C-alpha atoms as a PDB file:
ATOM      1  CA  MET A   1       2.301-144.179  48.450  1.00  0.00           C
ATOM      2  CA  LYS A   2       4.282-141.125  47.431  1.00  0.00           C
ATOM      3  CA  THR A   3       7.724-141.782  46.030  1.00  0.00           C
ATOM      4  CA  ILE A   4      10.419-140.419  48.331  1.00  0.00           C
ATOM      5  CA  LYS A   5      13.979-139.830  47.212  1.00  0.00           C
ATOM      6  CA  LEU A   6      16.686-139.930  49.843  1.00  0.00           C
ATOM      7  CA  PHE A   7      19.814-137.865  49.896  1.00  0.00           C
ATOM      8  CA  ALA A   8      22.518-136.821  52.356  1.00  0.00           C
ATOM      9  CA  THR A   9      23.670-133.471  51.007  1.00  0.00           C
ATOM     10  CA  ALA A  10      20.399-131.724  51.825  1.00  0.00           C
ATOM     11  CA  ALA A  11      20.839-132.556  55.511  1.00  0.00           C
ATOM     12  CA  LEU A  12      23.638-130.024  55.687  1.00  0.00           C
ATOM     13  CA  MET A  13      21.629-127.503  53.668  1.00  0.00           C
ATOM     14  CA  ALA A  14      18.624-127.924  55.962  1.00  0.00           C
ATOM     15  CA  ALA A  15      20.778-127.408  59.031  1.00  0.00           C
ATOM     16  CA  THR A  16      22.363-124.332  57.501  1.00  0.00           C
ATOM     17  CA  SER A  17      18.997-122.784  56.669  1.00  0.00           C
ATOM     18  CA  MET A  18      18.017-122.992  60.344  1.00  0.00           C
ATOM     19  CA  ALA A  19      20.682-120.401  61.090  1.00  0.00           C
ATOM     20  CA  PHE A  20      18.724-117.751  59.233  1.00  0.00           C
ATOM     21  CA  ALA A  21      15.905-116.039  61.098  1.00  0.00           C
ATOM     22  CA  GLN A  22      13.237-113.839  59.622  1.00  0.00           C
ATOM     23  CA  LYS A  23      13.856-110.167  60.339  1.00  0.00           C
ATOM     24  CA  THR A  24      11.181-107.446  60.357  1.00  0.00           C
ATOM     25  CA  LYS A  25      12.084-103.791  60.826  1.00  0.00           C
ATOM     26  CA  VAL A  26       9.719-100.804  60.708  1.00  0.00           C
ATOM     27  CA  THR A  27      11.530 -98.009  58.881  1.00  0.00           C
ATOM     28  CA  LYS A  28       8.854 -95.292  58.855  1.00  0.00           C
ATOM     29  CA  GLY A  29       5.568 -94.531  60.622  1.00  0.00           C
ATOM     30  CA  ASN A  30       3.614 -97.053  62.668  1.00  0.00           C
ATOM     31  CA  PHE A  31       0.860 -98.279  60.284  1.00  0.00           C
ATOM     32  CA  THR A  32      -1.942 -96.882  62.492  1.00  0.00           C
ATOM     33  CA  GLU A  33      -3.400 -95.139  59.433  1.00  0.00           C
ATOM     34  CA  LEU A  34      -4.744 -98.524  58.329  1.00  0.00           C
ATOM     35  CA  LYS A  35      -6.855 -98.961  61.464  1.00  0.00           C
ATOM     36  CA  GLY A  36     -10.569 -99.157  60.684  1.00  0.00           C
ATOM     37  CA  GLN A  37     -10.123 -99.434  56.931  1.00  0.00           C
ATOM     38  CA  LYS A  38     -12.635-101.779  55.280  1.00  0.00           C
ATOM     39  CA  GLU A  39     -10.834-101.957  51.939  1.00  0.00           C
ATOM     40  CA  VAL A  40      -7.104-101.781  51.277  1.00  0.00           C
ATOM     41  CA  ASN A  41      -5.612-101.931  47.806  1.00  0.00           C
ATOM     42  CA  VAL A  42      -2.461-103.963  47.060  1.00  0.00           C
ATOM     43  CA  VAL A  43       0.086-103.384  44.295  1.00  0.00           C
ATOM     44  CA  TRP A  44       3.171-105.454  43.525  1.00  0.00           C
ATOM     45  CA  ASP A  45       6.600-104.350  42.353  1.00  0.00           C
ATOM     46  CA  TYR A  46       9.303-106.775  41.176  1.00  0.00           C
ATOM     47  CA  SER A  47      11.411-104.155  39.376  1.00  0.00           C
ATOM     48  CA  GLU A  48      14.287-104.405  41.870  1.00  0.00           C
ATOM     49  CA  ALA A  49      13.989-108.110  42.659  1.00  0.00           C
ATOM     50  CA  GLN A  50      17.182-110.138  42.862  1.00  0.00           C
ATOM     51  CA  VAL A  51      16.726-113.880  42.309  1.00  0.00           C
ATOM     52  CA  ARG A  52      18.863-116.959  42.739  1.00  0.00           C
ATOM     53  CA  GLY A  53      18.352-120.705  43.047  1.00  0.00           C
ATOM     54  CA  GLY A  54      16.202-123.143  41.136  1.00  0.00           C
ATOM     55  CA  SER A  55      17.960-126.483  40.651  1.00  0.00           C
ATOM     56  CA  PRO A  56      20.267-127.217  38.932  1.00  0.00           C
ATOM     57  CA  PHE A  57      21.256-123.550  39.112  1.00  0.00           C
ATOM     58  CA  ALA A  58      21.388-123.121  42.897  1.00  0.00           C
ATOM     59  CA  THR A  59      25.053-122.091  42.816  1.00  0.00           C
ATOM     60  CA  TRP A  60      24.353-118.988  40.744  1.00  0.00           C
ATOM     61  CA  LYS A  61      24.754-115.680  42.527  1.00  0.00           C
ATOM     62  CA  ALA A  62      21.671-113.494  42.971  1.00  0.00           C
ATOM     63  CA  MET A  63      20.921-111.411  39.883  1.00  0.00           C
ATOM     64  CA  PRO A  64      18.064-109.283  38.473  1.00  0.00           C
ATOM     65  CA  GLU A  65      14.959-111.381  37.894  1.00  0.00           C
ATOM     66  CA  ALA A  66      14.931-110.904  34.112  1.00  0.00           C
ATOM     67  CA  GLU A  67      18.560-112.013  33.832  1.00  0.00           C
ATOM     68  CA  TRP A  68      18.032-115.018  36.091  1.00  0.00           C
ATOM     69  CA  LEU A  69      14.910-116.051  34.225  1.00  0.00           C
ATOM     70  CA  GLN A  70      16.606-115.824  30.826  1.00  0.00           C
ATOM     71  CA  LYS A  71      19.517-117.974  32.008  1.00  0.00           C
ATOM     72  CA  ILE A  72      17.128-120.667  33.200  1.00  0.00           C
ATOM     73  CA  VAL A  73      15.131-120.506  29.969  1.00  0.00           C
ATOM     74  CA  ASP A  74      18.296-120.860  27.881  1.00  0.00           C
ATOM     75  CA  LYS A  75      19.611-123.776  29.954  1.00  0.00           C
ATOM     76  CA  LYS A  76      16.337-125.669  29.839  1.00  0.00           C
ATOM     77  CA  ASN A  77      15.888-125.055  26.108  1.00  0.00           C
ATOM     78  CA  GLU A  78      19.410-126.335  25.473  1.00  0.00           C
ATOM     79  CA  LYS A  79      18.489-129.574  27.210  1.00  0.00           C
ATOM     80  CA  GLU A  80      15.073-129.902  25.565  1.00  0.00           C
ATOM     81  CA  ALA A  81      13.644-127.410  23.103  1.00  0.00           C
ATOM     82  CA  GLY A  82      10.624-125.518  24.378  1.00  0.00           C
ATOM     83  CA  THR A  83      10.901-126.560  28.019  1.00  0.00           C
ATOM     84  CA  GLY A  84      12.513-123.273  28.998  1.00  0.00           C
ATOM     85  CA  ASP A  85       9.782-121.226  27.361  1.00  0.00           C
ATOM     86  CA  ASP A  86       7.145-123.334  29.081  1.00  0.00           C
ATOM     87  CA  TRP A  87       8.884-122.862  32.433  1.00  0.00           C
ATOM     88  CA  LYS A  88       8.977-119.081  31.936  1.00  0.00           C
ATOM     89  CA  LYS A  89       5.218-119.028  31.365  1.00  0.00           C
ATOM     90  CA  ARG A  90       4.760-121.054  34.504  1.00  0.00           C
ATOM     91  CA  TRP A  91       6.952-118.644  36.527  1.00  0.00           C
ATOM     92  CA  GLU A  92       5.128-115.560  35.269  1.00  0.00           C
ATOM     93  CA  ALA A  93       1.738-117.152  35.969  1.00  0.00           C
ATOM     94  CA  ALA A  94       2.824-118.073  39.501  1.00  0.00           C
ATOM     95  CA  LYS A  95       3.385-114.468  40.547  1.00  0.00           C
ATOM     96  CA  PRO A  96      -0.283-113.386  40.431  1.00  0.00           C
ATOM     97  CA  GLY A  97      -1.712-116.902  40.706  1.00  0.00           C
ATOM     98  CA  ASN A  98       0.322-118.274  43.618  1.00  0.00           C
ATOM     99  CA  PHE A  99       2.642-115.718  45.213  1.00  0.00           C
ATOM    100  CA  GLU A 100       0.494-112.586  45.343  1.00  0.00           C
ATOM    101  CA  SER A 101      -2.749-114.472  45.941  1.00  0.00           C
ATOM    102  CA  SER A 102      -1.161-116.319  48.889  1.00  0.00           C
ATOM    103  CA  PHE A 103      -0.250-113.001  50.505  1.00  0.00           C
ATOM    104  CA  GLU A 104      -3.644-111.419  49.892  1.00  0.00           C
ATOM    105  CA  THR A 105      -5.624-114.461  51.018  1.00  0.00           C
ATOM    106  CA  LYS A 106      -3.708-114.675  54.305  1.00  0.00           C
ATOM    107  CA  MET A 107      -4.062-110.920  54.883  1.00  0.00           C
ATOM    108  CA  ALA A 108      -7.821-111.069  54.407  1.00  0.00           C
ATOM    109  CA  GLU A 109      -8.014-114.141  56.643  1.00  0.00           C
ATOM    110  CA  MET A 110      -6.163-112.517  59.541  1.00  0.00           C
ATOM    111  CA  TRP A 111      -7.455-108.970  59.076  1.00  0.00           C
ATOM    112  CA  GLU A 112     -11.109-109.809  59.652  1.00  0.00           C
ATOM    113  CA  GLY A 113     -13.645-107.404  58.219  1.00  0.00           C
ATOM    114  CA  THR A 114     -11.182-105.847  55.785  1.00  0.00           C
ATOM    115  CA  LEU A 115     -10.904-106.658  52.089  1.00  0.00           C
ATOM    116  CA  VAL A 116      -7.237-106.720  51.047  1.00  0.00           C
ATOM    117  CA  LYS A 117      -6.570-107.331  47.359  1.00  0.00           C
ATOM    118  CA  ARG A 118      -5.380-105.978  44.042  1.00  0.00           C
ATOM    119  CA  GLY A 119      -7.607-103.670  42.018  1.00  0.00           C
ATOM    120  CA  LEU A 120      -9.289-101.750  44.848  1.00  0.00           C
ATOM    121  CA  ASP A 121      -8.477 -98.407  43.270  1.00  0.00           C
ATOM    122  CA  ASN A 122     -11.115 -96.563  45.315  1.00  0.00           C
ATOM    123  CA  ALA A 123      -9.612 -97.625  48.654  1.00  0.00           C
ATOM    124  CA  LYS A 124      -8.072 -94.778  50.655  1.00  0.00           C
ATOM    125  CA  TYR A 125      -4.813 -96.645  51.217  1.00  0.00           C
ATOM    126  CA  THR A 126      -2.644 -98.956  49.166  1.00  0.00           C
ATOM    127  CA  ILE A 127      -0.167-101.511  50.454  1.00  0.00           C
ATOM    128  CA  ARG A 128       2.755-101.533  48.049  1.00  0.00           C
ATOM    129  CA  VAL A 129       4.833-104.698  48.217  1.00  0.00           C
ATOM    130  CA  LYS A 130       8.291-104.397  46.704  1.00  0.00           C
ATOM    131  CA  VAL A 131       9.888-107.799  46.292  1.00  0.00           C
ATOM    132  CA  THR A 132      13.653-107.446  46.728  1.00  0.00           C
ATOM    133  CA  TYR A 133      14.823-111.078  46.818  1.00  0.00           C
ATOM    134  CA  MET A 134      13.473-114.490  45.831  1.00  0.00           C
ATOM    135  CA  ASP A 135      14.953-117.964  45.945  1.00  0.00           C
ATOM    136  CA  PRO A 136      12.423-120.556  44.738  1.00  0.00           C
ATOM    137  CA  GLY A 137      14.526-123.414  46.077  1.00  0.00           C
ATOM    138  CA  TYR A 138      14.170-126.855  44.532  1.00  0.00           C
ATOM    139  CA  SER A 139      13.148-130.417  45.314  1.00  0.00           C
ATOM    140  CA  MET A 140      14.341-132.888  42.734  1.00  0.00           C
ATOM    141  CA  GLY A 141      16.873-135.586  41.983  1.00  0.00           C
ATOM    142  CA  VAL A 142      19.176-136.166  44.928  1.00  0.00           C
ATOM    143  CA  SER A 143      18.960-132.785  46.662  1.00  0.00           C
ATOM    144  CA  ALA A 144      16.602-130.035  47.791  1.00  0.00           C
ATOM    145  CA  SER A 145      16.580-126.477  49.099  1.00  0.00           C
ATOM    146  CA  ASP A 146      13.870-124.380  50.747  1.00  0.00           C
ATOM    147  CA  ALA A 147      12.522-121.135  49.282  1.00  0.00           C
ATOM    148  CA  TRP A 148      13.300-117.676  50.669  1.00  0.00           C
ATOM    149  CA  LEU A 149      11.816-114.218  50.237  1.00  0.00           C
ATOM    150  CA  SER A 150      12.674-110.638  51.221  1.00  0.00           C
ATOM    151  CA  GLY A 151      10.771-107.447  50.546  1.00  0.00           C
ATOM    152  CA  ILE A 152       9.640-103.958  51.490  1.00  0.00           C
ATOM    153  CA  ILE A 153       6.060-103.127  52.464  1.00  0.00           C
ATOM    154  CA  GLU A 154       4.927 -99.512  52.135  1.00  0.00           C
ATOM    155  CA  VAL A 155       1.620 -97.785  52.810  1.00  0.00           C
ATOM    156  CA  VAL A 156       0.672 -94.927  50.493  1.00  0.00           C
ATOM    157  CA  GLU A 157      -2.492 -92.977  49.867  1.00  0.00           C
ATOM    158  CA  THR A 158      -3.957 -94.568  46.776  1.00  0.00           C
ATOM    159  CA  GLY A 159      -2.918 -92.762  43.620  1.00  0.00           C
ATOM    160  CA  THR A 160       0.085 -91.072  45.246  1.00  0.00           C
ATOM    161  CA  ASP A 161       3.685 -91.910  46.111  1.00  0.00           C
ATOM    162  CA  ASN A 162       3.426 -90.432  49.612  1.00  0.00           C
ATOM    163  CA  VAL A 163       4.722 -93.191  51.904  1.00  0.00           C
ATOM    164  CA  SER A 164       3.247 -92.905  55.400  1.00  0.00           C
ATOM    165  CA  SER A 165       4.582 -96.174  56.847  1.00  0.00           C
ATOM    166  CA  SER A 166       7.092 -98.773  55.689  1.00  0.00           C
ATOM    167  CA  LEU A 167       9.028-101.811  56.813  1.00  0.00           C
ATOM    168  CA  THR A 168      11.543-104.328  55.552  1.00  0.00           C
ATOM    169  CA  MET A 169      11.158-108.096  55.860  1.00  0.00           C
ATOM    170  CA  ASP A 170      14.109-110.400  55.230  1.00  0.00           C
ATOM    171  CA  GLN A 171      14.740-114.144  55.127  1.00  0.00           C
ATOM    172  CA  ILE A 172      11.147-115.365  55.015  1.00  0.00           C
ATOM    173  CA  LYS A 173      11.348-119.127  54.606  1.00  0.00           C
ATOM    174  CA  GLY A 174       8.891-120.944  52.368  1.00  0.00           C
ATOM    175  CA  ALA A 175       7.443-124.449  52.485  1.00  0.00           C
ATOM    176  CA  SER A 176       9.977-127.145  53.266  1.00  0.00           C
ATOM    177  CA  ALA A 177      11.497-128.942  50.304  1.00  0.00           C
ATOM    178  CA  ALA A 178      12.664-131.869  52.412  1.00  0.00           C
ATOM    179  CA  LYS A 179      11.950-133.650  55.671  1.00  0.00           C
ATOM    180  CA  SER A 180      14.141-135.477  58.149  1.00  0.00           C
ATOM    181  CA  ILE A 181      13.996-139.223  58.619  1.00  0.00           C
ATOM    182  CA  PRO A 182      14.131-140.222  62.300  1.00  0.00           C
ATOM    183  CA  GLY A 183      17.249-142.138  63.206  1.00  0.00           C
ATOM    184  CA  MET A 184      18.950-141.526  59.870  1.00  0.00           C
ATOM    185  CA  ALA A 185      21.523-138.956  58.760  1.00  0.00           C
ATOM    186  CA  VAL A 186      19.596-138.220  55.585  1.00  0.00           C
ATOM    187  CA  VAL A 187      16.484-136.313  54.613  1.00  0.00           C
ATOM    188  CA  ALA A 188      13.817-137.001  52.032  1.00  0.00           C
ATOM    189  CA  ALA A 189      12.898-134.723  49.156  1.00  0.00           C
ATOM    190  CA  ILE A 190       9.177-134.026  49.258  1.00  0.00           C
ATOM    191  CA  GLU A 191       7.599-134.960  45.967  1.00  0.00           C
ATOM    192  CA  GLY A 192       5.167-132.309  44.758  1.00  0.00           C
ATOM    193  CA  ALA A 193       6.951-129.490  46.580  1.00  0.00           C
ATOM    194  CA  THR A 194       6.866-127.264  43.501  1.00  0.00           C
ATOM    195  CA  PHE A 195       8.340-123.781  43.429  1.00  0.00           C
ATOM    196  CA  GLU A 196       4.770-122.434  43.395  1.00  0.00           C
ATOM    197  CA  LYS A 197       4.114-124.147  46.728  1.00  0.00           C
ATOM    198  CA  ARG A 198       7.520-123.427  48.254  1.00  0.00           C
ATOM    199  CA  LEU A 199       7.726-119.745  47.390  1.00  0.00           C
ATOM    200  CA  GLY A 200       3.975-119.260  47.714  1.00  0.00           C
ATOM    201  CA  GLU A 201       4.286-120.123  51.391  1.00  0.00           C
ATOM    202  CA  SER A 202       6.980-117.451  51.771  1.00  0.00           C
ATOM    203  CA  PHE A 203       4.497-114.849  50.536  1.00  0.00           C
ATOM    204  CA  GLU A 204       1.853-116.249  52.884  1.00  0.00           C
ATOM    205  CA  LYS A 205       4.263-116.026  55.819  1.00  0.00           C
ATOM    206  CA  MET A 206       5.075-112.442  54.846  1.00  0.00           C
ATOM    207  CA  ALA A 207       1.407-111.552  55.246  1.00  0.00           C
ATOM    208  CA  LYS A 208       1.112-113.486  58.491  1.00  0.00           C
ATOM    209  CA  SER A 209       4.115-111.754  60.041  1.00  0.00           C
ATOM    210  CA  PHE A 210       3.038-108.347  58.744  1.00  0.00           C
ATOM    211  CA  TYR A 211      -0.290-108.643  60.490  1.00  0.00           C
ATOM    212  CA  ALA A 212       0.828-110.444  63.666  1.00  0.00           C
ATOM    213  CA  LYS A 213       4.005-108.472  64.333  1.00  0.00           C
ATOM    214  CA  VAL A 214       3.009-105.025  63.040  1.00  0.00           C
ATOM    215  CA  LEU A 215      -0.670-104.385  62.285  1.00  0.00           C
ATOM    216  CA  LYS A 216      -2.066-106.181  65.312  1.00  0.00           C
ATOM    217  CA  LYS A 217       0.025-103.945  67.566  1.00  0.00           C
ATOM    218  CA  ALA A 218      -0.819-100.817  65.576  1.00  0.00           C
ATOM    219  CA  PHE A 219      -4.549-101.483  65.893  1.00  0.00           C
ATOM    220  CA  LYS A 220      -4.624-101.755  69.695  1.00  0.00           C
END
Protein backbone atom coordinates (compact mmCIF):
# COMPACT_ATOMS: atom_id res chain seq x y z
CA MET A 1 0.00 0.00 0.00
CA LYS A 2 1.29 3.44 -0.90
CA THR A 3 2.33 5.62 1.99
CA ILE A 4 0.06 8.64 2.31
CA LYS A 5 0.99 11.72 4.29
CA LEU A 6 -1.82 13.84 5.67
CA PHE A 7 -1.81 17.56 6.08
CA ALA A 8 -4.29 20.39 6.62
CA THR A 9 -2.57 23.37 5.02
CA ALA A 10 -2.89 21.99 1.50
CA ALA A 11 -6.68 21.92 1.83
CA LEU A 12 -6.70 25.70 1.66
CA MET A 13 -4.20 25.69 -1.21
CA ALA A 14 -6.31 23.18 -3.15
CA ALA A 15 -9.42 25.28 -2.65
CA THR A 16 -7.59 28.40 -3.74
CA SER A 17 -6.31 26.77 -6.92
CA MET A 18 -9.89 26.00 -7.95
CA ALA A 19 -10.46 29.73 -8.35
CA PHE A 20 -8.11 29.85 -11.31
CA ALA A 21 -9.50 28.83 -14.68
CA GLN A 22 -7.54 28.12 -17.81
CA LYS A 23 -7.77 30.96 -20.31
CA THR A 24 -7.21 30.63 -24.07
CA LYS A 25 -7.23 33.67 -26.34
CA VAL A 26 -6.52 33.75 -30.09
CA THR A 27 -4.45 36.86 -30.78
CA LYS A 28 -3.85 36.53 -34.53
CA GLY A 29 -5.24 34.54 -37.46
CA ASN A 30 -7.48 31.50 -37.10
CA PHE A 31 -5.10 28.52 -37.55
CA THR A 32 -6.88 27.32 -40.72
CA GLU A 33 -3.50 27.20 -42.49
CA LEU A 34 -2.79 23.97 -40.61
CA LYS A 35 -5.80 22.18 -42.10
CA GLY A 36 -4.79 19.16 -44.18
CA GLN A 37 -1.15 19.20 -43.11
CA LYS A 38 0.33 15.72 -42.67
CA GLU A 39 3.47 16.88 -40.87
CA VAL A 40 3.88 19.84 -38.54
CA ASN A 41 7.18 20.77 -36.94
CA VAL A 42 7.40 21.88 -33.29
CA VAL A 43 10.02 24.12 -31.69
CA TRP A 44 10.27 25.15 -28.05
CA ASP A 45 11.33 28.46 -26.53
CA TYR A 46 11.96 28.95 -22.80
CA SER A 47 13.95 32.19 -23.17
CA GLU A 48 11.24 34.33 -21.54
CA ALA A 49 9.96 31.77 -19.05
CA GLN A 50 9.24 32.94 -15.52
CA VAL A 51 9.29 30.19 -12.88
CA ARG A 52 8.28 29.89 -9.26
CA GLY A 53 7.48 27.12 -6.79
CA GLY A 54 9.18 23.85 -6.01
CA SER A 55 9.06 23.06 -2.29
CA PRO A 56 10.49 24.31 -0.01
CA PHE A 57 10.76 27.41 -2.19
CA ALA A 58 7.07 27.92 -3.02
CA THR A 59 7.03 31.40 -1.46
CA TRP A 60 9.56 32.76 -3.94
CA LYS A 61 8.24 35.24 -6.47
CA ALA A 62 8.34 34.27 -10.15
CA MET A 63 11.73 34.91 -11.72
CA PRO A 64 13.63 34.02 -14.93
CA GLU A 65 14.13 30.27 -15.21
CA ALA A 66 17.94 30.42 -15.01
CA GLU A 67 17.79 32.50 -11.82
CA TRP A 68 15.18 30.26 -10.23
CA LEU A 69 17.10 27.13 -11.13
CA GLN A 70 20.37 28.47 -9.71
CA LYS A 71 18.68 29.38 -6.42
CA ILE A 72 17.30 25.87 -6.07
CA VAL A 73 20.66 24.32 -6.96
CA ASP A 74 22.44 26.46 -4.36
CA LYS A 75 19.88 25.69 -1.64
CA LYS A 76 19.97 21.96 -2.26
CA ASN A 77 23.77 21.87 -2.43
CA GLU A 78 23.96 23.75 0.87
CA LYS A 79 21.86 21.04 2.47
CA GLU A 80 23.68 18.14 0.81
CA ALA A 81 26.57 18.54 -1.60
CA GLY A 82 25.80 17.46 -5.14
CA THR A 83 22.04 17.14 -4.74
CA GLY A 84 21.42 20.51 -6.37
CA ASP A 85 23.52 19.65 -9.39
CA ASP A 86 21.72 16.34 -9.73
CA TRP A 87 18.35 18.09 -9.51
CA LYS A 88 19.36 20.55 -12.24
CA LYS A 89 20.21 17.67 -14.57
CA ARG A 90 16.86 16.14 -13.81
CA TRP A 91 15.04 19.43 -14.57
CA GLU A 92 16.85 19.94 -17.86
CA ALA A 93 16.18 16.34 -18.91
CA ALA A 94 12.48 16.71 -18.07
CA LYS A 95 11.92 19.48 -20.61
CA PRO A 96 12.45 17.34 -23.74
CA GLY A 97 11.79 14.01 -22.02
CA ASN A 98 8.57 14.80 -20.14
CA PHE A 99 7.19 18.27 -20.86
CA GLU A 100 7.66 18.61 -24.62
CA SER A 101 7.04 14.93 -25.33
CA SER A 102 3.75 15.08 -23.38
CA PHE A 103 2.56 17.95 -25.57
CA GLU A 104 3.63 16.32 -28.83
CA THR A 105 2.24 12.90 -27.95
CA LYS A 106 -1.18 14.35 -27.08
CA MET A 107 -1.19 16.49 -30.24
CA ALA A 108 -0.47 13.48 -32.44
CA GLU A 109 -3.10 11.46 -30.58
CA MET A 110 -5.86 14.02 -31.09
CA TRP A 111 -4.81 15.26 -34.52
CA GLU A 112 -5.23 11.93 -36.29
CA GLY A 113 -3.29 11.46 -39.50
CA THR A 114 -0.85 14.27 -38.74
CA LEU A 115 2.67 13.84 -37.38
CA VAL A 116 3.42 16.59 -34.84
CA LYS A 117 6.93 16.58 -33.39
CA ARG A 118 10.31 18.25 -33.14
CA GLY A 119 12.79 17.93 -35.99
CA LEU A 120 10.39 17.96 -38.95
CA ASP A 121 12.36 20.66 -40.73
CA ASN A 122 10.79 19.87 -44.11
CA ALA A 123 7.24 20.46 -42.87
CA LYS A 124 5.55 23.53 -44.37
CA TYR A 125 4.50 24.87 -40.97
CA THR A 126 6.04 25.00 -37.53
CA ILE A 127 4.23 25.33 -34.22
CA ARG A 128 6.39 27.48 -31.98
CA VAL A 129 5.62 27.08 -28.29
CA LYS A 130 6.91 29.88 -26.10
CA VAL A 131 6.72 28.93 -22.44
CA THR A 132 6.06 32.07 -20.39
CA TYR A 133 5.38 30.66 -16.91
CA MET A 134 5.97 27.42 -15.03
CA ASP A 135 5.26 26.35 -11.47
CA PRO A 136 6.27 22.71 -10.92
CA GLY A 137 4.39 22.56 -7.63
CA TYR A 138 5.45 20.04 -5.01
CA SER A 139 4.25 17.01 -3.08
CA MET A 140 6.36 16.27 -0.05
CA GLY A 141 6.54 16.48 3.72
CA VAL A 142 3.38 17.98 5.16
CA SER A 143 2.16 20.03 2.19
CA ALA A 144 1.61 20.00 -1.56
CA SER A 145 0.82 22.29 -4.48
CA ASP A 146 -0.31 21.60 -8.04
CA ALA A 147 1.69 22.57 -11.13
CA TRP A 148 0.75 25.42 -13.47
CA LEU A 149 1.78 26.46 -16.97
CA SER A 150 1.25 29.44 -19.29
CA GLY A 151 2.50 29.98 -22.81
CA ILE A 152 2.15 31.36 -26.32
CA ILE A 153 1.56 29.17 -29.37
CA GLU A 154 2.48 30.58 -32.77
CA VAL A 155 2.30 29.16 -36.28
CA VAL A 156 5.06 30.17 -38.69
CA GLU A 157 6.18 28.95 -42.08
CA THR A 158 9.11 26.70 -41.32
CA GLY A 159 12.41 28.54 -41.54
CA THR A 160 10.82 31.99 -41.17
CA ASP A 161 9.59 34.26 -38.39
CA ASN A 162 6.36 35.12 -40.22
CA VAL A 163 3.62 34.44 -37.66
CA SER A 164 0.31 33.61 -39.35
CA SER A 165 -1.68 32.60 -36.25
CA SER A 166 -1.08 32.84 -32.51
CA LEU A 167 -2.76 32.44 -29.16
CA THR A 168 -2.06 32.73 -25.46
CA MET A 169 -2.86 30.05 -22.90
CA ASP A 170 -2.78 30.83 -19.18
CA GLN A 171 -3.25 28.93 -15.93
CA ILE A 172 -3.06 25.38 -17.26
CA LYS A 173 -3.20 23.13 -14.22
CA GLY A 174 -1.07 20.00 -14.05
CA ALA A 175 -1.57 16.66 -12.33
CA SER A 176 -2.91 16.92 -8.80
CA ALA A 177 -0.35 16.85 -6.02
CA ALA A 178 -2.93 15.96 -3.38
CA LYS A 179 -6.34 14.38 -2.99
CA SER A 180 -9.21 14.99 -0.60
CA ILE A 181 -10.19 12.52 2.07
CA PRO A 182 -13.98 12.11 2.34
CA GLY A 183 -15.37 13.32 5.63
CA MET A 184 -12.11 14.91 6.76
CA ALA A 185 -10.84 18.49 6.62
CA VAL A 186 -7.46 17.36 5.33
CA VAL A 187 -6.00 16.15 2.06
CA ALA A 188 -3.36 13.57 1.30
CA ALA A 189 -0.13 14.21 -0.57
CA ILE A 190 0.14 11.79 -3.47
CA GLU A 191 3.37 9.87 -3.25
CA GLY A 192 5.11 9.64 -6.61
CA ALA A 193 3.58 12.87 -7.90
CA THR A 194 6.94 14.11 -9.17
CA PHE A 195 7.40 17.47 -10.86
CA GLU A 196 7.88 15.57 -14.14
CA LYS A 197 4.40 14.09 -13.77
CA ARG A 198 2.75 17.22 -12.40
CA LEU A 199 4.10 19.70 -14.93
CA GLY A 200 4.12 17.13 -17.72
CA GLU A 201 0.35 16.94 -17.44
CA SER A 202 0.16 20.73 -17.82
CA PHE A 203 1.92 20.43 -21.17
CA GLU A 204 -0.40 17.59 -22.15
CA LYS A 205 -3.44 19.69 -21.25
CA MET A 206 -2.03 22.56 -23.30
CA ALA A 207 -2.04 20.31 -26.36
CA LYS A 208 -5.49 18.97 -25.58
CA SER A 209 -7.00 22.44 -25.23
CA PHE A 210 -5.16 23.73 -28.30
CA TYR A 211 -6.68 21.04 -30.45
CA ALA A 212 -10.15 20.86 -28.87
CA LYS A 213 -10.76 24.59 -28.46
CA VAL A 214 -8.93 25.97 -31.50
CA LEU A 215 -7.82 23.52 -34.20
CA LYS A 216 -10.97 21.40 -34.19
CA LYS A 217 -13.03 24.52 -34.91
CA ALA A 218 -10.56 25.79 -37.51
CA PHE A 219 -10.69 22.50 -39.41
CA LYS A 220 -14.48 22.40 -39.84
